[in-house]
Amino acid sequence: MTLPRVTLVVPVFNGAEHVVETVESLLAQTYSNLQLIVIDDGSTDASWQLLAPYADRCTLIQQANQGQSVTLNRGWDMAEGELLGYLGADDLLEPTAVAELVRAFERSPEHVLVYPDYWLIDQKSRRLRAVEAPAFNYEDIVLKCVCPVGPGALFRRDVYRRAGGWDALLRQIPDYEFLMRLGLFGSALQVRKLLASFRVHEGSQSFAVSSEARTAEYTYVMQRYFARPDVPEALRVARPRAEAQALILMARLHLRAQRFVRGAVCICRAIRLNPTVLLHLASLALLANGLVGRPLHYIRQLRMNLIGRRRKSL
């Protein structure tokens, strides 16, 4: 039986510290019908020089800096695969990841996307904890702003063409906005295996302090989504709930950046839209994360470093 062609795109911007490890994890895949496209998006460090030795095993492209969304869209538009995916330049895949995700697709051809559980790893690739990805519930994605899909996901190319690529105007949440559109065309399948690793460090987008412009992307995303004619009516009438939850997420980013007044304004606006929004533990947890998430990460990192030093001294 012919294996479906899979294309994975790796966007790289100043990824010299980890990109070799990332590419090696992709070249170590047990799945044979795999196309790798690695695009250097105007790096000013040694990323391109480090990638050069892999030119015979993957497609290497160098371009002026255009951002992650434009870079991924370029890779997917030139892809040969029936199934598409991407991996951040500092993330990893387990050797059997692609094979197991393709197998899941073959068992459930009605789904448009598959995604696995994953590890959180630190700067030195040490495993911090396992993440059991949330189940795919489209109502939760829209109304609770849940983004269940982490690293390692694959989706169908025909659905990508119908939904459109990542929004080039977004820097903070292009993956979430893409998932909102993709979910209008079908459901996703969760693979309950730890098949990828997501790196958490101060420079990573999910951990770094977000600018005011990036924080405001939630407002833009909600406005664009609910302007669509194909939004289910049950979700359309619940728009205030979705916008209130988006404001809670904006408040979290403001609090993380110590913009406390702006954070408070977002919380007040959220309450006006949905008076019960702060009665949900999930909302309170998000706000608490905005206040203490970064300090807790530094404490965990310090603890890991101390453990590593002790082991070396033994």
Protein backbone atom coordinates (compact mmCIF):
# COMPACT_ATOMS: atom_id res chain seq x y z
CA MET A 1 0.00 0.00 0.00
CA THR A 2 1.35 3.44 -0.96
CA LEU A 3 1.99 5.64 2.04
CA PRO A 4 0.53 9.16 1.75
CA ARG A 5 3.10 11.88 1.18
CA VAL A 6 3.65 14.07 4.27
CA THR A 7 5.24 17.52 4.14
CA LEU A 8 6.62 19.19 7.27
CA VAL A 9 7.71 22.83 7.18
CA VAL A 10 10.20 24.29 9.66
CA PRO A 11 10.31 28.12 9.84
CA VAL A 12 13.61 29.35 11.26
CA PHE A 13 14.43 32.78 12.60
CA ASN A 14 17.64 33.04 14.63
CA GLY A 15 17.29 29.43 15.70
CA ALA A 16 20.97 28.49 15.77
CA GLU A 17 20.83 27.18 19.33
CA HIS A 18 18.32 24.40 18.63
CA VAL A 19 17.61 24.08 14.90
CA VAL A 20 20.09 21.25 14.32
CA GLU A 21 18.44 19.17 17.03
CA THR A 22 15.04 19.92 15.49
CA VAL A 23 16.08 18.92 11.97
CA GLU A 24 17.79 15.78 13.25
CA SER A 25 14.57 14.73 14.99
CA LEU A 26 12.75 15.04 11.66
CA LEU A 27 15.39 13.17 9.69
CA ALA A 28 15.17 10.37 12.28
CA GLN A 29 11.50 9.71 11.50
CA THR A 30 10.64 6.08 10.75
CA TYR A 31 8.12 7.24 8.14
CA SER A 32 9.65 7.04 4.68
CA ASN A 33 7.40 9.16 2.44
CA LEU A 34 8.32 12.44 4.09
CA GLN A 35 9.21 15.80 2.57
CA LEU A 36 11.03 18.33 4.77
CA ILE A 37 11.07 22.03 3.88
CA VAL A 38 13.21 24.26 6.07
CA ILE A 39 12.91 28.01 5.48
CA ASP A 40 15.35 30.49 7.01
CA ASP A 41 13.32 33.64 7.52
CA GLY A 42 16.08 36.24 7.45
CA SER A 43 18.11 34.95 10.39
CA THR A 44 21.02 37.11 11.51
CA ASP A 45 22.74 34.35 13.49
CA ALA A 46 24.42 31.16 12.24
CA SER A 47 21.18 29.32 11.42
CA TRP A 48 21.77 29.18 7.66
CA GLN A 49 25.34 27.96 8.02
CA LEU A 50 24.20 25.22 10.39
CA LEU A 51 21.46 24.12 7.98
CA ALA A 52 23.73 23.94 4.92
CA PRO A 53 24.97 20.35 5.59
CA TYR A 54 21.36 19.12 5.35
CA ALA A 55 20.77 20.38 1.80
CA ASP A 56 20.85 16.85 0.38
CA ARG A 57 18.17 15.57 2.78
CA CYS A 58 15.65 18.39 2.85
CA THR A 59 14.61 21.45 0.86
CA LEU A 60 16.41 24.52 2.19
CA ILE A 61 15.15 28.02 1.40
CA GLN A 62 16.55 31.36 2.50
CA GLN A 63 14.46 34.54 2.39
CA ALA A 64 14.30 38.06 3.81
CA ASN A 65 12.40 38.21 7.08
CA GLN A 66 8.65 38.02 6.50
CA GLY A 67 7.32 36.45 9.68
CA GLN A 68 6.21 32.98 10.69
CA SER A 69 2.82 33.03 8.97
CA VAL A 70 4.12 34.06 5.55
CA THR A 71 6.97 31.57 5.88
CA LEU A 72 4.71 28.64 6.71
CA ASN A 73 2.25 29.52 3.95
CA ARG A 74 5.13 29.59 1.45
CA GLY A 75 6.25 26.13 2.53
CA TRP A 76 2.76 24.64 2.47
CA ASP A 77 1.97 26.18 -0.92
CA MET A 78 4.96 24.38 -2.45
CA ALA A 79 4.37 21.14 -0.55
CA GLU A 80 4.04 17.79 -2.31
CA GLY A 81 2.26 16.11 0.59
CA GLU A 82 -1.36 15.12 0.97
CA LEU A 83 -0.85 15.76 4.68
CA LEU A 84 0.82 18.92 5.98
CA GLY A 85 2.35 20.01 9.26
CA TYR A 86 5.05 22.16 10.78
CA LEU A 87 7.49 22.17 13.64
CA GLY A 88 9.00 25.13 15.45
CA ALA A 89 12.76 25.48 15.03
CA ASP A 90 13.30 24.62 18.70
CA ASP A 91 10.76 21.79 19.06
CA LEU A 92 11.20 18.04 18.53
CA LEU A 93 9.37 14.98 17.23
CA GLU A 94 9.72 11.43 18.52
CA PRO A 95 11.03 9.05 15.80
CA THR A 96 7.66 7.31 15.30
CA ALA A 97 5.56 10.50 15.44
CA VAL A 98 4.72 10.91 11.75
CA ALA A 99 4.09 7.19 11.26
CA GLU A 100 1.66 7.04 14.18
CA LEU A 101 -0.19 10.20 13.17
CA VAL A 102 -0.59 8.96 9.58
CA ARG A 103 -1.86 5.64 10.93
CA ALA A 104 -4.45 7.53 12.97
CA PHE A 105 -5.56 9.41 9.85
CA GLU A 106 -5.95 6.15 7.94
CA ARG A 107 -8.11 4.69 10.70
CA SER A 108 -10.31 7.81 10.81
CA PRO A 109 -10.37 9.38 7.33
CA GLU A 110 -13.29 11.64 8.24
CA HIS A 111 -11.07 13.91 10.36
CA VAL A 112 -9.28 16.95 8.96
CA LEU A 113 -6.48 17.09 11.55
CA VAL A 114 -4.66 14.81 14.00
CA TYR A 115 -2.54 15.89 16.96
CA PRO A 116 -0.63 14.15 19.78
CA ASP A 117 0.17 14.70 23.42
CA TYR A 118 3.62 16.18 24.01
CA TRP A 119 6.41 16.93 26.45
CA LEU A 120 7.37 20.34 27.74
CA ILE A 121 11.16 20.63 27.61
CA ASP A 122 13.56 23.32 28.76
CA GLN A 123 16.44 25.14 27.10
CA LYS A 124 18.66 22.07 27.52
CA SER A 125 16.04 19.61 26.20
CA ARG A 126 15.28 18.26 29.65
CA ARG A 127 11.71 17.06 30.08
CA LEU A 128 9.74 19.22 32.49
CA ARG A 129 6.37 17.48 32.32
CA ALA A 130 4.00 15.60 30.04
CA VAL A 131 1.09 17.53 28.54
CA GLU A 132 -2.16 15.71 27.87
CA ALA A 133 -3.60 17.82 25.09
CA PRO A 134 -7.26 18.80 25.55
CA ALA A 135 -9.85 16.94 23.52
CA PHE A 136 -10.97 18.66 20.34
CA ASN A 137 -14.24 20.43 21.09
CA TYR A 138 -15.00 23.12 18.54
CA GLU A 139 -17.41 24.95 20.84
CA ASP A 140 -14.65 25.20 23.47
CA ILE A 141 -12.18 26.44 20.87
CA VAL A 142 -14.45 29.35 19.95
CA LEU A 143 -16.25 30.17 23.20
CA LYS A 144 -13.48 29.34 25.68
CA CYS A 145 -10.54 30.29 23.41
CA VAL A 146 -9.01 26.85 23.96
CA CYS A 147 -6.23 25.87 21.55
CA PRO A 148 -5.85 22.11 22.12
CA VAL A 149 -3.37 21.49 19.32
CA GLY A 150 0.33 21.57 20.17
CA PRO A 151 3.46 20.51 18.26
CA GLY A 152 3.37 17.61 15.82
CA ALA A 153 -0.10 18.08 14.31
CA LEU A 154 -0.91 17.06 10.72
CA PHE A 155 -3.80 18.32 8.59
CA ARG A 156 -5.15 17.60 5.12
CA ARG A 157 -3.85 19.75 2.26
CA ASP A 158 -7.26 19.98 0.57
CA VAL A 159 -8.77 21.43 3.74
CA TYR A 160 -5.85 23.85 4.08
CA ARG A 161 -6.62 25.15 0.60
CA ARG A 162 -10.29 25.60 1.45
CA ALA A 163 -9.67 27.23 4.82
CA GLY A 164 -6.74 29.37 3.74
CA GLY A 165 -3.31 29.68 5.33
CA TRP A 166 -2.15 31.47 8.44
CA ASP A 167 -3.07 35.15 8.72
CA ALA A 168 0.07 37.19 7.96
CA LEU A 169 -1.11 40.03 10.22
CA LEU A 170 -0.91 37.85 13.34
CA ARG A 171 2.19 37.30 15.45
CA GLN A 172 0.84 36.03 18.78
CA ILE A 173 -2.00 33.63 17.94
CA PRO A 174 -1.92 32.71 14.22
CA ASP A 175 -2.18 29.00 15.09
CA TYR A 176 -5.33 29.54 17.15
CA GLU A 177 -6.99 31.65 14.44
CA PHE A 178 -6.10 29.03 11.82
CA LEU A 179 -7.61 26.30 14.00
CA MET A 180 -10.86 28.29 14.31
CA ARG A 181 -11.16 28.33 10.51
CA LEU A 182 -10.01 24.75 10.03
CA GLY A 183 -12.60 23.52 12.51
CA LEU A 184 -15.40 24.83 10.30
CA PHE A 185 -14.52 22.09 7.79
CA GLY A 186 -14.42 19.08 10.12
CA SER A 187 -13.26 17.63 13.40
CA ALA A 188 -9.82 16.67 14.69
CA LEU A 189 -8.56 13.42 16.16
CA GLN A 190 -6.49 13.32 19.31
CA VAL A 191 -3.68 10.72 19.51
CA ARG A 192 -3.05 9.82 23.13
CA LYS A 193 0.72 9.39 22.81
CA LEU A 194 3.65 11.64 23.72
CA LEU A 195 5.01 12.15 20.21
CA ALA A 196 6.47 15.67 20.32
CA SER A 197 8.33 18.10 22.56
CA PHE A 198 7.56 21.79 22.99
CA ARG A 199 10.41 23.92 24.25
CA VAL A 200 9.68 26.52 26.92
CA HIS A 201 12.22 29.28 27.42
CA GLU A 202 12.26 33.03 27.83
CA GLY A 203 12.58 33.66 24.11
CA SER A 204 9.75 31.34 23.07
CA GLN A 205 6.63 33.08 21.79
CA SER A 206 4.30 31.39 24.26
CA PHE A 207 6.43 32.52 27.21
CA ALA A 208 7.88 35.87 26.14
CA VAL A 209 6.30 39.15 27.22
CA SER A 210 3.71 40.15 24.64
CA SER A 211 3.50 43.67 23.24
CA GLU A 212 0.24 45.63 23.36
CA ALA A 213 -0.23 45.11 19.62
CA ARG A 214 0.16 41.36 19.92
CA THR A 215 -2.14 41.24 22.91
CA ALA A 216 -4.84 43.02 20.91
CA GLU A 217 -4.85 40.22 18.33
CA TYR A 218 -7.62 38.45 20.24
CA THR A 219 -9.99 41.34 19.46
CA TYR A 220 -9.06 41.21 15.76
CA VAL A 221 -9.49 37.43 15.61
CA MET A 222 -12.93 37.50 17.20
CA GLN A 223 -14.14 40.27 14.91
CA ARG A 224 -12.90 38.45 11.80
CA TYR A 225 -14.35 35.12 12.88
CA PHE A 226 -17.85 36.35 13.70
CA ALA A 227 -17.98 38.31 10.44
CA ARG A 228 -17.89 35.02 8.53
CA PRO A 229 -21.19 33.85 7.00
CA ASP A 230 -20.47 30.18 7.78
CA VAL A 231 -20.22 30.48 11.59
CA PRO A 232 -22.78 28.11 13.16
CA GLU A 233 -25.76 29.98 14.58
CA ALA A 234 -25.34 28.36 18.01
CA LEU A 235 -21.89 29.95 18.25
CA ARG A 236 -22.94 33.26 16.72
CA VAL A 237 -25.53 33.91 19.44
CA ALA A 238 -22.91 33.10 22.10
CA ARG A 239 -20.49 35.71 20.77
CA PRO A 240 -20.40 37.72 24.06
CA ARG A 241 -19.07 34.64 25.88
CA ALA A 242 -16.30 34.20 23.32
CA GLU A 243 -15.31 37.86 23.41
CA ALA A 244 -15.33 37.90 27.22
CA GLN A 245 -13.00 34.91 27.33
CA ALA A 246 -10.74 36.54 24.76
CA LEU A 247 -10.52 39.58 27.03
CA ILE A 248 -9.49 37.34 29.94
CA LEU A 249 -6.66 36.01 27.79
CA MET A 250 -5.70 39.55 26.87
CA ALA A 251 -5.70 40.45 30.57
CA ARG A 252 -3.35 37.53 31.24
CA LEU A 253 -0.87 38.84 28.67
CA HIS A 254 -1.10 42.37 30.07
CA LEU A 255 -0.53 41.09 33.61
CA ARG A 256 2.44 39.02 32.46
CA ALA A 257 3.93 42.19 30.96
CA GLN A 258 3.11 44.13 34.18
CA ARG A 259 0.62 46.34 32.38
CA PHE A 260 -1.71 46.06 35.34
CA VAL A 261 -4.08 48.91 34.46
CA ARG A 262 -4.68 47.55 30.97
CA GLY A 263 -5.17 44.10 32.44
CA ALA A 264 -7.81 45.44 34.83
CA VAL A 265 -9.58 47.23 31.97
CA CYS A 266 -9.80 43.95 30.03
CA ILE A 267 -11.22 42.16 33.07
CA CYS A 268 -13.90 44.83 33.53
CA ARG A 269 -14.85 44.66 29.85
CA ALA A 270 -15.07 40.86 30.10
CA ILE A 271 -17.43 41.09 33.08
CA ARG A 272 -19.70 43.51 31.21
CA LEU A 273 -19.96 41.04 28.33
CA ASN A 274 -20.35 37.98 30.53
CA PRO A 275 -21.02 38.69 34.23
CA THR A 276 -20.21 35.09 35.21
CA VAL A 277 -16.82 34.94 33.50
CA LEU A 278 -14.85 35.13 36.76
CA LEU A 279 -16.92 32.37 38.34
CA HIS A 280 -15.08 29.84 36.19
CA LEU A 281 -11.90 28.33 37.61
CA ALA A 282 -10.32 28.32 34.16
CA SER A 283 -10.58 32.11 33.93
CA LEU A 284 -9.11 32.59 37.39
CA ALA A 285 -6.28 30.18 36.55
CA LEU A 286 -5.44 32.20 33.44
CA LEU A 287 -5.25 35.42 35.41
CA ALA A 288 -3.15 33.77 38.12
CA ASN A 289 -0.82 32.50 35.41
CA GLY A 290 -0.43 36.05 34.13
CA LEU A 291 0.65 37.19 37.58
CA VAL A 292 2.94 34.36 38.71
CA GLY A 293 3.54 32.15 35.67
CA ARG A 294 6.92 33.60 34.72
CA PRO A 295 8.31 33.63 38.29
CA LEU A 296 7.25 30.01 38.75
CA HIS A 297 8.98 29.09 35.50
CA TYR A 298 12.22 30.68 36.72
CA ILE A 299 11.95 28.76 39.99
CA ARG A 300 11.44 25.46 38.15
CA GLN A 301 14.35 26.26 35.85
CA LEU A 302 16.60 27.03 38.82
CA ARG A 303 15.59 23.76 40.44
CA MET A 304 16.38 21.80 37.24
CA ASN A 305 19.78 23.48 36.97
CA LEU A 306 20.61 22.64 40.59
CA ILE A 307 19.61 19.01 40.05
CA GLY A 308 21.75 18.87 36.93
CA ARG A 309 24.78 20.24 38.75
CA ARG A 310 24.35 17.75 41.58
CA ARG A 311 24.22 14.85 39.15
CA LYS A 312 27.39 16.04 37.42
CA SER A 313 29.20 16.27 40.74
CA LEU A 314 28.33 12.67 41.69
